[in-house]
Protein backbone atom coordinates (compact mmCIF):
# COMPACT_ATOMS: atom_id res chain seq x y z
CA UNK A 1 10.56 15.43 -2.06
CA UNK A 2 8.37 13.03 -4.05
CA UNK A 3 6.34 15.08 -6.44
CA UNK A 4 2.60 15.02 -7.52
CA UNK A 5 3.56 15.23 -11.24
CA UNK A 6 1.57 17.02 -13.93
CA UNK A 7 -0.68 15.09 -16.29
CA UNK A 8 1.30 12.75 -18.62
CA UNK A 9 0.59 14.99 -21.69
CA UNK A 10 2.47 17.84 -20.01
CA UNK A 11 5.49 15.99 -18.73
CA UNK A 12 8.88 16.76 -19.85
CA UNK A 13 11.29 13.70 -20.02
CA UNK A 14 13.95 13.90 -17.37
CA UNK A 15 17.47 13.17 -18.46
CA UNK A 16 19.46 11.58 -15.43
CA UNK A 17 22.53 13.62 -14.80
CA UNK A 18 25.83 11.70 -14.38
CA UNK A 19 26.72 10.55 -10.89
CA UNK A 20 29.46 12.38 -9.25
CA UNK A 21 30.57 9.17 -7.67
CA UNK A 22 33.74 7.93 -9.27
CA UNK A 23 34.08 4.24 -10.57
CA UNK A 24 35.08 2.05 -7.66
CA UNK A 25 38.68 1.06 -7.72
CA UNK A 26 39.48 -2.24 -9.33
CA UNK A 27 41.04 -3.59 -6.21
CA UNK A 28 38.06 -2.63 -3.92
CA UNK A 29 37.04 -5.35 -1.39
CA UNK A 30 34.09 -7.55 -2.31
CA UNK A 31 31.47 -8.60 0.02
CA UNK A 32 31.57 -12.29 0.99
CA UNK A 33 28.33 -13.64 -0.26
CA UNK A 34 27.64 -17.32 -0.75
CA UNK A 35 26.83 -18.73 -4.22
CA UNK A 36 23.20 -19.65 -3.20
CA UNK A 37 22.39 -16.11 -2.75
CA UNK A 38 22.98 -15.36 -6.40
CA UNK A 39 26.20 -13.34 -5.75
CA UNK A 40 28.47 -11.61 -8.22
CA UNK A 41 31.73 -10.52 -7.02
CA UNK A 42 31.97 -6.79 -6.24
CA UNK A 43 32.56 -3.92 -6.61
CA UNK A 44 29.03 -3.18 -7.67
CA UNK A 45 27.26 -0.70 -9.74
CA UNK A 46 24.37 -0.50 -7.45
CA UNK A 47 23.75 -1.48 -3.88
CA UNK A 48 20.22 -1.42 -2.53
CA UNK A 49 19.52 -1.35 1.07
CA UNK A 50 16.22 -3.16 1.61
CA UNK A 51 14.65 -6.10 -0.12
CA UNK A 52 11.02 -5.05 -0.18
CA UNK A 53 8.79 -4.55 -3.27
CA UNK A 54 10.72 -1.36 -4.06
CA UNK A 55 14.19 -2.66 -3.34
CA UNK A 56 13.97 -6.03 -5.07
CA UNK A 57 12.28 -4.67 -8.14
CA UNK A 58 14.94 -1.99 -8.48
CA UNK A 59 17.66 -4.61 -8.08
CA UNK A 60 16.07 -6.83 -10.90
CA UNK A 61 15.42 -4.02 -13.27
CA UNK A 62 18.95 -2.76 -12.75
CA UNK A 63 20.37 -6.26 -13.41
CA UNK A 64 18.22 -6.44 -16.46
CA UNK A 65 19.86 -3.20 -17.70
CA UNK A 66 23.29 -4.72 -17.25
CA UNK A 67 24.25 -3.38 -13.83
CA UNK A 68 26.13 -5.27 -11.16
CA UNK A 69 23.71 -5.35 -8.20
CA UNK A 70 23.67 -6.22 -4.55
CA UNK A 71 20.85 -6.03 -2.06
CA UNK A 72 21.32 -5.84 1.68
CA UNK A 73 18.41 -6.92 3.88
CA UNK A 74 18.44 -7.01 7.70
CA UNK A 75 15.03 -8.67 8.46
CA UNK A 76 12.42 -9.40 5.77
CA UNK A 77 13.45 -10.71 2.33
CA UNK A 78 10.33 -9.57 0.41
CA UNK A 79 9.73 -6.64 2.69
CA UNK A 80 6.99 -5.58 4.97
CA UNK A 81 4.41 -6.18 2.32
CA UNK A 82 5.24 -9.87 1.74
CA UNK A 83 6.00 -10.76 5.37
CA UNK A 84 3.75 -8.95 7.66
CA UNK A 85 1.59 -6.65 5.37
CA UNK A 86 -0.09 -7.07 2.04
CA UNK A 87 0.18 -10.77 1.52
CA UNK A 88 -0.71 -12.25 4.86
CA UNK A 89 -3.39 -9.74 5.48
CA UNK A 90 -5.07 -10.62 2.08
CA UNK A 91 -4.76 -14.28 2.91
CA UNK A 92 -6.66 -13.56 6.11
CA UNK A 93 -9.22 -11.47 4.31
CA UNK A 94 -9.95 -14.18 1.85
CA UNK A 95 -10.56 -16.51 4.64
CA UNK A 96 -12.89 -13.90 6.04
CA UNK A 97 -14.83 -13.83 2.81
CA UNK A 98 -15.22 -17.61 2.77
CA UNK A 99 -16.63 -17.29 6.37
CA UNK A 100 -19.18 -14.70 5.20
CA UNK A 101 -20.22 -17.06 2.25
CA UNK A 102 -20.61 -19.96 4.58
CA UNK A 103 -22.61 -17.99 7.08
CA UNK A 104 -24.95 -16.85 4.18
CA UNK A 105 -25.16 -20.30 2.64
CA UNK A 106 -28.98 -20.58 3.09
CA UNK A 107 -29.39 -17.54 0.61
CA UNK A 108 -28.19 -20.01 -2.08
CA UNK A 109 -30.33 -22.94 -0.99
CA UNK A 110 -27.48 -24.75 0.87
CA UNK A 111 -27.89 -26.22 4.34
CA UNK A 112 -24.77 -26.53 6.18
CA UNK A 113 -25.80 -26.85 9.74
CA UNK A 114 -23.37 -25.71 12.44
CA UNK A 115 -19.72 -25.33 11.32
CA UNK A 116 -16.68 -24.28 13.23
CA UNK A 117 -14.13 -21.55 12.08
CA UNK A 118 -10.58 -21.99 13.47
CA UNK A 119 -8.95 -18.58 13.15
CA UNK A 120 -5.58 -20.08 14.09
CA UNK A 121 -5.69 -22.19 11.03
CA UNK A 122 -6.40 -19.13 8.89
CA UNK A 123 -3.10 -17.64 10.33
CA UNK A 124 -1.30 -20.75 9.61
CA UNK A 125 -2.47 -20.74 5.91
CA UNK A 126 -1.45 -17.08 5.57
CA UNK A 127 2.06 -17.99 6.68
CA UNK A 128 2.28 -20.86 4.36
CA UNK A 129 1.41 -18.34 1.52
CA UNK A 130 4.18 -15.94 2.89
CA UNK A 131 6.65 -18.72 2.88
CA UNK A 132 6.00 -19.75 -0.62
CA UNK A 133 6.41 -16.15 -1.92
CA UNK A 134 9.58 -15.47 0.15
CA UNK A 135 11.09 -18.59 -1.42
CA UNK A 136 10.00 -17.16 -4.80
CA UNK A 137 11.63 -13.85 -4.22
CA UNK A 138 14.83 -15.57 -3.21
CA UNK A 139 14.76 -17.65 -6.43
CA UNK A 140 14.36 -14.36 -8.42
CA UNK A 141 17.68 -13.09 -6.83
CA UNK A 142 19.40 -16.11 -8.11
CA UNK A 143 17.78 -15.95 -11.51
CA UNK A 144 18.79 -12.26 -11.98
CA UNK A 145 22.12 -12.79 -10.54
CA UNK A 146 21.72 -10.24 -7.88
CA UNK A 147 23.61 -10.62 -4.64
CA UNK A 148 21.57 -10.89 -1.58
CA UNK A 149 23.47 -9.98 1.58
CA UNK A 150 21.62 -10.39 4.87
CA UNK A 151 22.66 -8.08 7.54
CA UNK A 152 22.50 -4.47 8.94
CA UNK A 153 23.72 -1.78 6.43
CA UNK A 154 24.98 1.65 6.89
CA UNK A 155 26.72 4.28 4.62
CA UNK A 156 30.33 5.05 5.33
CA UNK A 157 30.58 7.06 2.31
CA UNK A 158 28.40 7.61 -0.84
CA UNK A 159 30.30 4.93 -2.51
CA UNK A 160 30.76 2.59 0.44
CA UNK A 161 28.20 0.51 2.29
CA UNK A 162 29.20 -1.24 5.58
CA UNK A 163 27.59 -4.69 6.44
CA UNK A 164 29.08 -5.98 9.75
CA UNK A 165 32.88 -5.86 9.21
CA UNK A 166 32.50 -5.82 5.39
CA UNK A 167 33.01 -2.69 3.28
CA UNK A 168 31.22 -2.97 -0.08
CA UNK A 169 32.21 -0.51 -2.80
CA UNK A 170 29.60 0.83 -5.29
CA UNK A 171 28.95 3.53 -7.75
CA UNK A 172 25.37 4.04 -6.47
CA UNK A 173 23.36 3.31 -3.34
CA UNK A 174 19.49 3.06 -3.22
CA UNK A 175 17.95 3.54 0.08
CA UNK A 176 14.80 1.16 0.18
CA UNK A 177 14.49 0.64 3.94
CA UNK A 178 10.75 1.21 4.13
CA UNK A 179 8.91 2.25 7.23
CA UNK A 180 7.60 0.66 10.35
CA UNK A 181 4.22 1.15 12.38
CA UNK A 182 3.92 4.40 14.25
CA UNK A 183 2.49 5.04 17.68
CA UNK A 184 1.73 8.21 19.55
CA UNK A 185 2.62 9.10 23.15
CA UNK A 186 0.43 7.14 25.51
CA UNK A 187 0.13 4.15 23.27
CA UNK A 188 2.05 1.45 25.04
CA UNK A 189 2.54 -1.40 22.64
CA UNK A 190 3.47 -4.73 24.32
CA UNK A 191 3.03 -7.03 21.29
CA UNK A 192 0.54 -9.34 22.80
CA UNK A 193 -2.53 -7.16 24.04
CA UNK A 194 -1.74 -3.82 22.55
CA UNK A 195 -0.21 -4.53 19.11
CA UNK A 196 0.81 -2.88 15.92
CA UNK A 197 -0.30 -4.25 12.54
CA UNK A 198 2.81 -6.41 11.99
CA UNK A 199 2.04 -8.28 15.24
CA UNK A 200 -1.67 -8.39 14.69
CA UNK A 201 -1.44 -9.89 11.17
CA UNK A 202 0.66 -12.85 12.53
CA UNK A 203 -1.03 -13.28 15.93
CA UNK A 204 -2.80 -16.50 16.73
CA UNK A 205 -6.06 -16.35 18.67
CA UNK A 206 -9.16 -14.31 17.87
CA UNK A 207 -10.09 -11.49 20.35
CA UNK A 208 -13.81 -11.48 21.47
CA UNK A 209 -13.57 -7.72 21.57
CA UNK A 210 -10.99 -5.63 19.48
CA UNK A 211 -10.26 -1.91 19.53
CA UNK A 212 -8.64 -0.46 16.60
CA UNK A 213 -7.08 2.98 16.80
CA UNK A 214 -7.07 4.41 13.43
CA UNK A 215 -9.75 4.03 10.70
CA UNK A 216 -7.51 4.02 7.63
CA UNK A 217 -6.64 1.17 5.27
CA UNK A 218 -5.14 -1.15 7.91
CA UNK A 219 -7.78 -0.57 10.42
CA UNK A 220 -10.69 -1.08 7.88
CA UNK A 221 -9.00 -4.24 6.54
CA UNK A 222 -8.21 -5.86 9.82
CA UNK A 223 -11.51 -4.80 11.21
CA UNK A 224 -13.23 -6.72 8.32
CA UNK A 225 -11.17 -9.88 9.21
CA UNK A 226 -12.06 -9.98 12.81
CA UNK A 227 -15.67 -8.74 12.37
CA UNK A 228 -16.19 -11.43 9.77
CA UNK A 229 -15.03 -14.00 12.31
CA UNK A 230 -17.49 -12.73 14.94
CA UNK A 231 -15.34 -10.33 17.07
CA UNK A 232 -16.94 -7.14 18.42
CA UNK A 233 -14.91 -4.39 16.69
CA UNK A 234 -14.71 -0.75 17.77
CA UNK A 235 -12.71 1.75 15.41
CA UNK A 236 -11.55 5.03 16.71
CA UNK A 237 -10.55 7.73 14.28
CA UNK A 238 -9.30 11.15 14.78
CA UNK A 239 -10.63 12.71 11.44
CA UNK A 240 -14.25 13.13 10.49
CA UNK A 241 -14.55 9.93 8.37
CA UNK A 242 -13.19 6.41 8.05
CA UNK A 243 -10.49 6.19 5.14
CA UNK A 244 -9.73 9.95 5.71
CA UNK A 245 -8.44 11.64 2.64
CA UNK A 246 -10.45 9.75 0.19
CA UNK A 247 -13.84 10.48 -1.52
CA UNK A 248 -16.26 11.50 1.18
CA UNK A 249 -19.13 9.91 -0.24
CA UNK A 250 -17.39 6.55 -0.59
CA UNK A 251 -16.31 6.87 2.98
CA UNK A 252 -19.86 7.68 4.09
CA UNK A 253 -21.22 4.48 2.23
CA UNK A 254 -18.44 2.42 3.88
CA UNK A 255 -19.55 3.64 7.24
CA UNK A 256 -23.18 2.78 6.56
CA UNK A 257 -22.11 -0.77 5.49
CA UNK A 258 -19.98 -1.13 8.67
CA UNK A 259 -22.86 -0.16 10.85
CA UNK A 260 -25.17 -2.75 9.22
CA UNK A 261 -22.27 -5.35 9.78
CA UNK A 262 -22.28 -4.60 13.36
CA UNK A 263 -19.05 -2.45 13.68
CA UNK A 264 -18.90 0.21 16.23
CA UNK A 265 -16.87 3.30 15.34
CA UNK A 266 -16.33 6.82 16.51
CA UNK A 267 -14.70 9.57 14.34
CA UNK A 268 -13.40 12.91 15.41
CA UNK A 269 -11.93 11.40 18.45
CA UNK A 270 -8.65 11.94 20.41
CA UNK A 271 -7.06 8.71 21.69
CA UNK A 272 -5.24 9.76 24.97
CA UNK A 273 -3.86 6.33 25.98
CA UNK A 274 -3.88 2.59 24.89
CA UNK A 275 -2.22 0.22 27.32
CA UNK A 276 -2.37 -3.24 28.82
CA UNK A 277 -3.88 -3.70 32.11
CA UNK A 278 -3.63 -7.44 33.24
CA UNK A 279 -4.80 -9.57 30.33
CA UNK A 280 -6.99 -6.76 28.82
CA UNK A 281 -6.31 -3.51 26.80
CA UNK A 282 -7.61 -0.29 28.23
CA UNK A 283 -8.09 2.53 25.68
CA UNK A 284 -8.95 6.04 26.86
CA UNK A 285 -10.34 8.69 24.19
CA UNK A 286 -12.15 11.87 24.31
CA UNK A 287 -14.85 13.09 21.95
CA UNK A 288 -16.55 16.54 22.08
CA UNK A 289 -14.82 17.10 25.35
CA UNK A 290 -16.02 13.91 27.00
CA UNK A 291 -13.56 11.30 28.09
CA UNK A 292 -14.51 7.66 27.45
CA UNK A 293 -12.85 4.38 28.27
CA UNK A 294 -13.17 1.01 26.44
CA UNK A 295 -11.78 -2.31 27.72
CA UNK A 296 -11.00 -5.01 25.18
CA UNK A 297 -9.22 -8.39 24.64
CA UNK A 298 -6.81 -6.59 22.11
CA UNK A 299 -6.00 -3.32 20.76
CA UNK A 300 -4.51 -2.66 17.26
CA UNK A 301 -2.69 0.58 16.85
CA UNK A 302 -2.93 1.46 13.19
CA UNK A 303 -1.97 5.22 12.94
CA UNK A 304 0.50 5.62 10.20
CA UNK A 305 4.08 4.79 9.72
CA UNK A 306 7.72 5.95 10.68
CA UNK A 307 10.47 5.79 8.20
CA UNK A 308 13.50 3.48 8.81
CA UNK A 309 16.26 6.24 8.31
CA UNK A 310 17.97 5.70 11.61
CA UNK A 311 21.45 4.40 11.89
CA UNK A 312 22.02 4.47 8.14
CA UNK A 313 24.68 7.31 8.31
CA UNK A 314 22.55 9.63 6.24
CA UNK A 315 22.84 12.65 8.44
CA UNK A 316 26.71 12.47 8.47
CA UNK A 317 26.66 12.42 4.69
CA UNK A 318 24.30 15.30 4.44
CA UNK A 319 21.28 13.62 2.96
CA UNK A 320 18.25 15.91 3.35
CA UNK A 321 15.46 14.58 5.42
CA UNK A 322 11.91 15.95 6.04
CA UNK A 323 10.29 14.80 9.30
CA UNK A 324 12.56 11.76 9.17
CA UNK A 325 11.74 10.91 5.53
CA UNK A 326 14.30 11.12 2.71
CA UNK A 327 13.80 13.88 0.17
CA UNK A 328 14.20 13.02 -3.45
CA UNK A 329 13.66 14.55 -6.92
CA UNK A 330 11.59 13.00 -9.72
CA UNK A 331 14.42 10.63 -10.61
CA UNK A 332 14.42 9.36 -6.97
CA UNK A 333 17.91 11.05 -6.39
CA UNK A 334 18.68 12.67 -3.12
CA UNK A 335 20.64 15.83 -2.84
CA UNK A 336 23.93 13.74 -2.42
CA UNK A 337 25.11 12.48 -5.75
CA UNK A 338 25.13 8.64 -6.07
CA UNK A 339 22.64 8.31 -3.21
CA UNK A 340 19.02 7.53 -4.27
CA UNK A 341 15.80 6.54 -2.31
CA UNK A 342 12.52 4.91 -3.03
CA UNK A 343 9.37 3.53 -1.30
CA UNK A 344 7.87 4.32 2.19
CA UNK A 345 11.30 5.87 3.32
CA UNK A 346 10.81 8.80 1.16
CA UNK A 347 8.81 11.95 1.69
CA UNK A 348 5.84 10.41 -0.04
CA UNK A 349 2.29 11.06 -1.07
CA UNK A 350 1.44 7.25 -1.37
CA UNK A 351 3.26 4.65 0.81
CA UNK A 352 2.12 1.76 -1.13
CA UNK A 353 3.85 -1.39 -2.23
CA UNK A 354 3.01 -1.09 -5.94
CA UNK A 355 4.08 2.62 -5.82
CA UNK A 356 7.44 1.59 -4.31
CA UNK A 357 7.95 -0.98 -7.21
CA UNK A 358 7.13 1.76 -9.80
CA UNK A 359 9.88 3.84 -8.10
CA UNK A 360 12.08 0.98 -8.28
CA UNK A 361 11.79 0.69 -11.98
CA UNK A 362 12.27 4.55 -12.08
CA UNK A 363 15.39 4.68 -10.08
CA UNK A 364 16.98 1.70 -12.03
CA UNK A 365 16.20 3.32 -15.25
CA UNK A 366 17.76 6.67 -14.07
CA UNK A 367 20.90 5.12 -12.70
CA UNK A 368 21.41 3.22 -16.10
CA UNK A 369 20.99 6.55 -17.97
CA UNK A 370 17.67 5.72 -19.42
CA UNK A 371 15.28 8.58 -20.39
CA UNK A 372 12.59 8.86 -17.70
CA UNK A 373 9.34 10.83 -16.97
CA UNK A 374 8.40 11.87 -13.58
CA UNK A 375 5.83 9.51 -11.92
CA UNK A 376 2.29 10.87 -11.80
CA UNK A 377 1.13 9.86 -8.36
CA UNK A 378 -2.35 10.92 -9.43
CA UNK A 379 -2.44 7.89 -11.57
CA UNK A 380 -1.56 5.43 -8.76
CA UNK A 381 -4.42 3.08 -7.82
CA UNK A 382 -5.41 3.05 -4.09
CA UNK A 383 -7.11 -0.20 -2.99
CA UNK A 384 -8.67 -1.04 0.35
CA UNK A 385 -9.60 -4.75 0.68
CA UNK A 386 -12.31 -4.20 3.42
CA UNK A 387 -15.86 -5.52 3.12
CA UNK A 388 -17.08 -3.92 0.80
CA UNK A 389 -13.94 -3.12 -1.03
CA UNK A 390 -12.94 0.32 -1.90
CA UNK A 391 -10.58 1.49 -4.65
CA UNK A 392 -9.64 4.93 -6.01
CA UNK A 393 -7.50 6.59 -8.55
CA UNK A 394 -7.03 10.26 -9.26
CA UNK A 395 -8.81 13.18 -7.92
CA UNK A 396 -11.83 13.32 -5.53
CA UNK A 397 -14.56 15.79 -6.46
CA UNK A 398 -13.39 18.18 -3.82
CA UNK A 399 -9.77 18.01 -5.00
CA UNK A 400 -10.81 18.48 -8.72
CA UNK A 401 -12.80 21.70 -7.75
CA UNK A 402 -9.88 22.98 -5.74
CA UNK A 403 -7.62 22.50 -8.73
CA UNK A 404 -9.93 24.87 -10.77
CA UNK A 405 -11.74 22.08 -12.74
CA UNK A 406 -15.39 22.41 -13.86
CA UNK A 407 -16.62 19.00 -12.77
CA UNK A 408 -19.25 16.52 -13.60
CA UNK A 409 -19.94 13.44 -11.69
CA UNK A 410 -21.24 10.10 -12.96
CA UNK A 411 -22.49 7.50 -10.51
CA UNK A 412 -23.77 4.01 -11.11
CA UNK A 413 -25.04 1.55 -8.30
CA UNK A 414 -24.22 -2.05 -8.41
CA UNK A 415 -27.81 -2.79 -7.37
CA UNK A 416 -28.73 -1.79 -11.08
CA UNK A 417 -26.22 -4.30 -12.47
CA UNK A 418 -27.46 -7.76 -13.39
CA UNK A 419 -24.23 -9.59 -12.62
CA UNK A 420 -23.91 -8.08 -9.18
CA UNK A 421 -27.48 -8.94 -8.25
CA UNK A 422 -27.22 -12.41 -9.71
CA UNK A 423 -24.19 -12.93 -7.36
CA UNK A 424 -25.99 -11.49 -4.44
CA UNK A 425 -23.29 -8.82 -3.91
CA UNK A 426 -24.60 -5.50 -5.09
CA UNK A 427 -23.73 -3.09 -2.36
CA UNK A 428 -21.94 0.08 -3.49
CA UNK A 429 -21.40 2.52 -6.35
CA UNK A 430 -18.85 3.59 -9.14
CA UNK A 431 -18.32 7.32 -8.88
CA UNK A 432 -16.50 8.90 -11.89
CA UNK A 433 -15.11 12.35 -11.61
CA UNK A 434 -14.86 14.13 -15.00
CA UNK A 435 -13.61 17.41 -16.39
CA UNK A 436 -16.83 18.97 -17.71
CA UNK A 437 -14.99 20.87 -20.46
CA UNK A 438 -13.26 18.04 -22.12
CA UNK A 439 -14.67 14.94 -20.67
CA UNK A 440 -11.27 13.82 -19.28
CA UNK A 441 -11.42 11.29 -16.47
CA UNK A 442 -9.96 13.01 -13.44
CA UNK A 443 -10.79 10.34 -11.00
CA UNK A 444 -12.73 7.21 -10.13
CA UNK A 445 -13.94 5.93 -6.73
CA UNK A 446 -15.48 2.59 -6.34
CA UNK A 447 -17.06 0.84 -3.30
CA UNK A 448 -18.58 -2.59 -3.95
CA UNK A 449 -17.87 -6.04 -5.18
CA UNK A 450 -14.33 -6.50 -6.51
CA UNK A 451 -13.65 -2.88 -6.45
CA UNK A 452 -9.94 -3.38 -6.31
CA UNK A 453 -10.03 -5.44 -9.52
CA UNK A 454 -12.52 -3.26 -11.32
CA UNK A 455 -10.33 0.00 -10.97
CA UNK A 456 -7.92 -1.63 -13.37
CA UNK A 457 -10.33 -0.77 -16.15
CA UNK A 458 -10.07 2.90 -15.32
CA UNK A 459 -6.35 3.01 -14.76
CA UNK A 460 -5.33 2.98 -18.44
CA UNK A 461 -7.88 5.61 -19.35
CA UNK A 462 -6.53 7.78 -16.56
CA UNK A 463 -2.88 7.35 -17.54
CA UNK A 464 -3.67 8.03 -21.10
CA UNK A 465 -5.65 11.15 -20.22
CA UNK A 466 -8.66 9.28 -21.63
CA UNK A 467 -12.22 10.70 -21.72
CA UNK A 468 -15.90 9.65 -21.21
CA UNK A 469 -16.11 9.74 -25.11
CA UNK A 470 -13.57 6.75 -25.32
CA UNK A 471 -15.67 5.00 -22.63
CA UNK A 472 -18.66 5.40 -24.86
CA UNK A 473 -16.88 3.55 -27.65
CA UNK A 474 -15.55 0.82 -25.43
CA UNK A 475 -17.72 -2.40 -25.48
CA UNK A 476 -17.82 -4.21 -22.28
CA UNK A 477 -18.68 -7.93 -21.87
CA UNK A 478 -22.22 -8.68 -20.45
CA UNK A 479 -22.97 -9.75 -17.80
CA UNK A 480 -19.94 -8.53 -15.91
CA UNK A 481 -19.19 -6.11 -13.09
CA UNK A 482 -17.08 -4.02 -15.38
CA UNK A 483 -20.27 -2.73 -16.93
CA UNK A 484 -20.76 -0.56 -13.79
CA UNK A 485 -17.56 1.40 -14.58
CA UNK A 486 -18.82 2.20 -18.09
CA UNK A 487 -22.13 3.13 -16.95
CA UNK A 488 -20.79 5.57 -14.59
CA UNK A 489 -18.85 7.22 -17.38
CA UNK A 490 -21.98 7.36 -19.48
CA UNK A 491 -23.95 8.89 -16.65
CA UNK A 492 -21.37 11.64 -16.33
CA UNK A 493 -21.69 12.10 -20.21
CA UNK A 494 -25.46 12.24 -20.03
CA UNK A 495 -25.77 9.34 -22.36
CA UNK A 496 -26.61 6.33 -20.01
CA UNK A 497 -29.33 4.14 -21.15
CA UNK A 498 -29.57 1.55 -18.30
CA UNK A 499 -30.41 3.73 -15.38
């Protein structure tokens, strides 16, 4: 399965073992692909199933390394991220941010009077953004001379991919089919009133009352969108906090902010059913042994993902699975020589688009015989584009202590930062988790303005096993939000001067 690797300084380079799959015969049949799809005639060195941010990045890197590459995609060129995930949702979130700014215009001495917000036009704008970038990805296929074959793929053999009635020969196959929204028994998704995240992000019409089952990243982000537009939003989360699994203090601060914004949420609950009744959604849940019922205009089910491993022929070839996810080693290789897997379809600690892209580069390098290092999943940034934004990298305080570190913590509030107060956006903190012995930065957790961008200041330090001592020597522009990150490091070191 995907590994949580050791720190970079202790990693041993992994030499990819030669594939046991023989070269495809010279007379192997080639897939019929039109020239505008950037086709090269087969047989191929690599066929990638799935054109998402893992698959297409793997394809372009493999082509860059001189491989003959084809990608098979059945539904979304650009993947879930581009079509019904990251990109349309961030477009909607930006619209929501504009809404909040307009609503608070008087704070800046601006009189607007009444204004009308058309949510459907926000959805239209998000789809224009999607269309632009889908076209961009298609252009990159042509630029990199990667064949794009649109259809349903399955594995006939480790060296043969079937697409319709075509048999495509290849030396290597990369499974990058991703995952889809999950639902538990009793959750009856009809696509209109009870929806999954793919459906909600493209749906027109704003519900007056929205119930969200699941208080993770998707629940908090889409809750932010609709609350900003005035919807009554209720979030139901099974675990003790919103954004479960993250830094507990950050989650608590997010919950406080959500309460001030008028969210309603309940944690530690069990959702027993969510179904459509007439034109309403009826959600039944229990908390502390008491059953409760909520009626809403719409219900979003946001409770995790299910891997797309069905109908690929993996079981027949003996590819090992774990709860439906594909098991891989640090090279992204499965147990079957010549078959590889990346992204949300693998047994995975972090199902995120940028992680899939990193794995795409990793697998392409491994297939081409490049020396690689295991990916360190502790060094992967974890952004949440809620209001306020949340971003994390590395270990939480609890995780660091569980791994045996002596820990010191540095915290700095945005309310003590000139730039944040000047921009009237100063809710939140930067929280730095530091090894008390050496000063190594073990983790950083931010809630507040532009948290998802600010984390990029920490990421290189984390990857390079940087310390608070290097942060002391780093000069940060003033006035900027970046100062909060340095100040948090100084607080941990006991050398802060501005708090």
